[in-house]
């Protein structure tokens, strides 16, 4: 699959012309990284290839800064240059994803601890509002796509609420890969029912300022995803993959 497509709009691709400036290359890198993060690279077993010419046309720049930005992405492990074939978006192996989720669990547990100690009640209430639209008449299982977005929003908001730039930077690259896995697995084996219960329990603990409970619930919730991926990863990874 070549990306972006030459004559077809893709919902996940949001690119517009950029104005040249001193940090031009960095801006292109950030734009491409964000666009790749929004792609569902784990939703298909097919490799996703980047087209330098189409990227340059979409962004309204020459191919030179595109190549420089792609080199930065490759150094960070998001893409890989394959001789005579092009640039492929990398998917992590099953083991790598599990390890990334485990690291994320530790970081998110710390986020919950910091929130319980420092966030205002009004800030914590924002977490509850993410799920207020879901109830018996609007169940997560019946609105999987909508709940999936709320789920991702919850985890991103947790990290942002800490106010820690270091935590945000450390989780950003992990989220690039884990987001796709969460999106794929959330609808399996009625995981939404347990997911929303876990989220509400975490919010309850935060509101009660039960720091130890909030940290444990948050960590265990994300570790549950690691366990699920380990035991139920059919359809996500093939036996062999050119991008791993």
Protein backbone atom coordinates (compact mmCIF):
# COMPACT_ATOMS: atom_id res chain seq x y z
CA UNK A 1 0.00 0.00 0.00
CA UNK A 2 1.52 3.30 -1.13
CA UNK A 3 0.92 6.39 0.95
CA UNK A 4 -0.23 9.00 0.32
CA UNK A 5 -2.40 7.89 -2.58
CA UNK A 6 -1.95 9.93 -5.74
CA UNK A 7 -5.57 10.70 -6.59
CA UNK A 8 -7.57 9.60 -3.60
CA UNK A 9 -8.22 11.34 -0.31
CA UNK A 10 -7.42 9.28 2.77
CA UNK A 11 -9.28 10.15 6.03
CA UNK A 12 -6.26 9.52 8.20
CA UNK A 13 -3.96 11.75 6.19
CA UNK A 14 -4.05 15.42 7.19
CA UNK A 15 -1.33 17.29 5.35
CA UNK A 16 -1.19 20.84 4.03
CA UNK A 17 1.46 23.14 2.52
CA UNK A 18 4.14 24.38 4.92
CA UNK A 19 5.89 27.73 4.80
CA UNK A 20 9.69 27.63 4.69
CA UNK A 21 11.37 28.77 7.92
CA UNK A 22 14.57 28.05 9.91
CA UNK A 23 13.19 24.89 11.55
CA UNK A 24 11.60 23.72 8.31
CA UNK A 25 13.02 20.20 8.41
CA UNK A 26 11.89 19.77 12.01
CA UNK A 27 8.37 20.91 11.14
CA UNK A 28 8.15 18.43 8.27
CA UNK A 29 9.44 15.69 10.58
CA UNK A 30 6.82 16.55 13.21
CA UNK A 31 4.05 16.71 10.58
CA UNK A 32 4.94 13.34 9.07
CA UNK A 33 5.35 11.74 12.49
CA UNK A 34 1.90 12.94 13.54
CA UNK A 35 0.36 11.72 10.28
CA UNK A 36 1.99 8.29 10.69
CA UNK A 37 0.75 8.13 14.30
CA UNK A 38 -2.80 8.62 13.03
CA UNK A 39 -2.50 5.80 10.50
CA UNK A 40 -3.83 2.37 11.41
CA UNK A 41 -0.63 0.47 10.60
CA UNK A 42 -1.72 -2.53 12.69
CA UNK A 43 -5.14 -2.69 11.08
CA UNK A 44 -3.70 -4.52 8.09
CA UNK A 45 -0.98 -7.09 7.57
CA UNK A 46 0.06 -5.28 4.39
CA UNK A 47 3.11 -3.02 4.53
CA UNK A 48 2.53 0.72 4.23
CA UNK A 49 4.97 2.49 1.94
CA UNK A 50 5.71 6.22 1.83
CA UNK A 51 5.81 7.99 -1.53
CA UNK A 52 8.32 10.86 -1.40
CA UNK A 53 6.92 12.57 -4.49
CA UNK A 54 3.35 12.54 -3.21
CA UNK A 55 4.44 13.73 0.22
CA UNK A 56 6.34 16.61 -1.35
CA UNK A 57 3.30 17.57 -3.43
CA UNK A 58 0.93 17.42 -0.45
CA UNK A 59 3.19 19.58 1.70
CA UNK A 60 4.15 21.91 -1.12
CA UNK A 61 7.89 21.43 -0.70
CA UNK A 62 10.79 19.95 -2.60
CA UNK A 63 11.80 16.33 -2.05
CA UNK A 64 15.06 17.30 -0.31
CA UNK A 65 13.54 18.31 3.06
CA UNK A 66 11.19 15.32 2.77
CA UNK A 67 14.21 13.01 2.53
CA UNK A 68 15.85 14.77 5.48
CA UNK A 69 12.71 14.38 7.60
CA UNK A 70 12.37 10.72 6.60
CA UNK A 71 16.01 10.17 7.61
CA UNK A 72 15.10 11.54 11.05
CA UNK A 73 12.07 9.25 11.22
CA UNK A 74 14.25 6.29 10.27
CA UNK A 75 16.74 7.17 12.99
CA UNK A 76 13.87 7.15 15.48
CA UNK A 77 12.69 3.74 14.25
CA UNK A 78 9.40 4.79 12.65
CA UNK A 79 10.27 3.98 9.05
CA UNK A 80 12.90 1.99 7.16
CA UNK A 81 14.56 2.56 3.80
CA UNK A 82 14.64 -0.60 1.73
CA UNK A 83 16.92 -0.50 -1.36
CA UNK A 84 15.05 -0.54 -4.69
CA UNK A 85 11.71 -0.68 -2.89
CA UNK A 86 11.25 2.56 -0.97
CA UNK A 87 10.32 3.70 2.53
CA UNK A 88 8.16 1.41 4.65
CA UNK A 89 6.36 2.37 7.87
CA UNK A 90 7.60 0.03 10.59
CA UNK A 91 5.37 -2.16 12.69
CA UNK A 92 6.88 -3.42 15.92
CA UNK A 93 7.07 -7.14 16.61
CA UNK A 94 4.69 -8.72 19.08
CA UNK A 95 7.41 -8.92 21.71
CA UNK A 96 8.39 -5.28 21.19
CA UNK A 97 4.78 -4.12 21.50
CA UNK A 98 4.32 -6.08 24.73
CA UNK A 99 7.48 -4.52 26.15
CA UNK A 100 6.30 -1.06 25.10
CA UNK A 101 2.94 -1.59 26.82
CA UNK A 102 4.73 -2.70 29.98
CA UNK A 103 6.82 0.47 29.98
CA UNK A 104 3.70 2.53 29.31
CA UNK A 105 1.99 0.86 32.28
CA UNK A 106 4.80 1.98 34.58
CA UNK A 107 4.70 5.54 33.23
CA UNK A 108 0.92 5.72 33.41
CA UNK A 109 0.94 4.44 36.97
CA UNK A 110 3.25 7.30 37.88
CA UNK A 111 0.94 9.68 36.02
CA UNK A 112 -1.99 8.53 38.18
CA UNK A 113 0.12 9.07 41.31
CA UNK A 114 1.03 12.61 40.28
CA UNK A 115 -2.57 13.45 39.37
CA UNK A 116 -3.93 12.18 42.68
CA UNK A 117 -1.41 14.36 44.53
CA UNK A 118 -1.52 17.52 42.43
CA UNK A 119 -4.56 17.80 40.15
CA UNK A 120 -7.62 19.80 41.13
CA UNK A 121 -11.03 18.11 41.46
CA UNK A 122 -12.20 20.09 38.41
CA UNK A 123 -9.34 18.66 36.36
CA UNK A 124 -10.12 15.11 37.47
CA UNK A 125 -13.78 15.65 36.56
CA UNK A 126 -12.64 16.11 32.94
CA UNK A 127 -11.69 12.43 32.92
CA UNK A 128 -15.21 11.41 33.94
CA UNK A 129 -16.72 13.60 31.22
CA UNK A 130 -14.89 11.52 28.60
CA UNK A 131 -17.21 8.61 29.39
CA UNK A 132 -20.43 10.39 30.37
CA UNK A 133 -22.03 9.68 26.97
CA UNK A 134 -21.75 5.94 27.56
CA UNK A 135 -24.56 4.29 29.51
CA UNK A 136 -27.03 1.41 29.20
CA UNK A 137 -28.73 3.09 26.25
CA UNK A 138 -25.41 3.98 24.59
CA UNK A 139 -23.18 1.04 25.40
CA UNK A 140 -19.48 0.96 24.40
CA UNK A 141 -19.99 -2.42 22.72
CA UNK A 142 -22.54 -0.85 20.37
CA UNK A 143 -20.37 2.16 19.55
CA UNK A 144 -16.91 0.64 19.28
CA UNK A 145 -15.31 3.34 17.15
CA UNK A 146 -16.63 6.08 19.41
CA UNK A 147 -15.53 4.26 22.54
CA UNK A 148 -12.13 3.50 21.05
CA UNK A 149 -11.50 7.22 20.59
CA UNK A 150 -12.70 7.92 24.15
CA UNK A 151 -10.37 5.19 25.39
CA UNK A 152 -7.33 6.69 23.67
CA UNK A 153 -8.38 10.18 24.82
CA UNK A 154 -8.51 8.97 28.42
CA UNK A 155 -4.98 7.61 28.35
CA UNK A 156 -3.58 10.66 26.58
CA UNK A 157 -5.35 12.99 29.01
CA UNK A 158 -3.91 11.13 32.00
CA UNK A 159 -0.39 11.85 30.79
CA UNK A 160 -1.14 15.48 29.89
CA UNK A 161 -2.73 16.17 33.28
CA UNK A 162 0.58 15.52 35.03
CA UNK A 163 2.01 18.63 33.39
CA UNK A 164 5.24 16.70 32.93
CA UNK A 165 6.83 17.32 29.55
CA UNK A 166 9.23 14.44 30.12
CA UNK A 167 6.37 11.99 30.69
CA UNK A 168 4.62 13.28 27.58
CA UNK A 169 7.77 12.91 25.48
CA UNK A 170 8.47 9.40 26.81
CA UNK A 171 4.95 8.17 26.05
CA UNK A 172 4.56 9.89 22.67
CA UNK A 173 6.62 7.39 20.68
CA UNK A 174 5.13 4.43 22.56
CA UNK A 175 1.63 5.65 21.78
CA UNK A 176 2.43 5.67 18.08
CA UNK A 177 2.41 1.88 18.12
CA UNK A 178 0.24 1.06 21.15
CA UNK A 179 -2.62 3.25 19.93
CA UNK A 180 -3.17 0.99 16.92
CA UNK A 181 -3.09 -2.13 19.08
CA UNK A 182 -5.63 -0.69 21.50
CA UNK A 183 -7.89 0.22 18.60
CA UNK A 184 -7.78 -3.29 17.14
CA UNK A 185 -8.22 -5.21 20.41
CA UNK A 186 -10.83 -3.06 22.16
CA UNK A 187 -13.73 -4.75 20.36
CA UNK A 188 -12.57 -8.29 21.01
CA UNK A 189 -13.94 -10.63 23.69
CA UNK A 190 -16.19 -7.86 25.09
CA UNK A 191 -13.13 -6.00 26.35
CA UNK A 192 -15.08 -2.71 26.30
CA UNK A 193 -17.18 -3.77 29.29
CA UNK A 194 -14.13 -4.34 31.48
CA UNK A 195 -12.34 -1.34 30.00
CA UNK A 196 -14.92 1.23 31.04
CA UNK A 197 -15.21 -0.36 34.51
CA UNK A 198 -11.44 -0.04 34.91
CA UNK A 199 -11.48 3.59 33.77
CA UNK A 200 -14.27 4.58 36.16
CA UNK A 201 -12.53 2.78 39.04
CA UNK A 202 -9.34 4.73 38.30
CA UNK A 203 -11.29 8.00 38.27
CA UNK A 204 -12.99 7.09 41.59
CA UNK A 205 -9.59 6.47 43.18
CA UNK A 206 -8.26 9.77 41.85
CA UNK A 207 -11.27 11.68 43.17
CA UNK A 208 -10.80 10.05 46.60
CA UNK A 209 -7.08 10.94 46.49
CA UNK A 210 -6.29 7.28 47.08
CA UNK A 211 -2.84 7.54 45.54
CA UNK A 212 -1.74 3.93 45.99
CA UNK A 213 -5.02 2.57 44.62
CA UNK A 214 -5.05 4.94 41.62
CA UNK A 215 -1.48 4.03 40.71
CA UNK A 216 -2.12 0.28 41.04
CA UNK A 217 -5.40 0.31 39.11
CA UNK A 218 -3.90 2.37 36.31
CA UNK A 219 -0.82 0.18 36.03
CA UNK A 220 -2.77 -3.07 36.19
CA UNK A 221 -5.28 -1.85 33.59
CA UNK A 222 -2.55 -1.24 31.02
CA UNK A 223 -0.70 -4.43 31.94
CA UNK A 224 -3.96 -6.19 31.13
CA UNK A 225 -3.52 -5.08 27.53
CA UNK A 226 -0.02 -6.58 27.48
CA UNK A 227 -1.42 -9.89 28.72
CA UNK A 228 -4.20 -9.81 26.15
CA UNK A 229 -1.78 -9.12 23.28
CA UNK A 230 0.42 -11.98 24.47
CA UNK A 231 -2.50 -14.43 24.49
CA UNK A 232 -4.76 -13.10 21.71
CA UNK A 233 -2.77 -11.53 18.88
CA UNK A 234 -4.24 -13.45 15.95
CA UNK A 235 -4.66 -11.33 12.85
CA UNK A 236 -2.26 -8.62 14.02
CA UNK A 237 1.09 -10.20 13.16
CA UNK A 238 1.99 -12.60 10.39
CA UNK A 239 4.63 -15.29 10.77
CA UNK A 240 7.08 -13.16 8.86
CA UNK A 241 6.95 -9.46 8.07
CA UNK A 242 9.18 -7.36 5.86
CA UNK A 243 8.75 -4.42 8.23
CA UNK A 244 9.85 -6.10 11.43
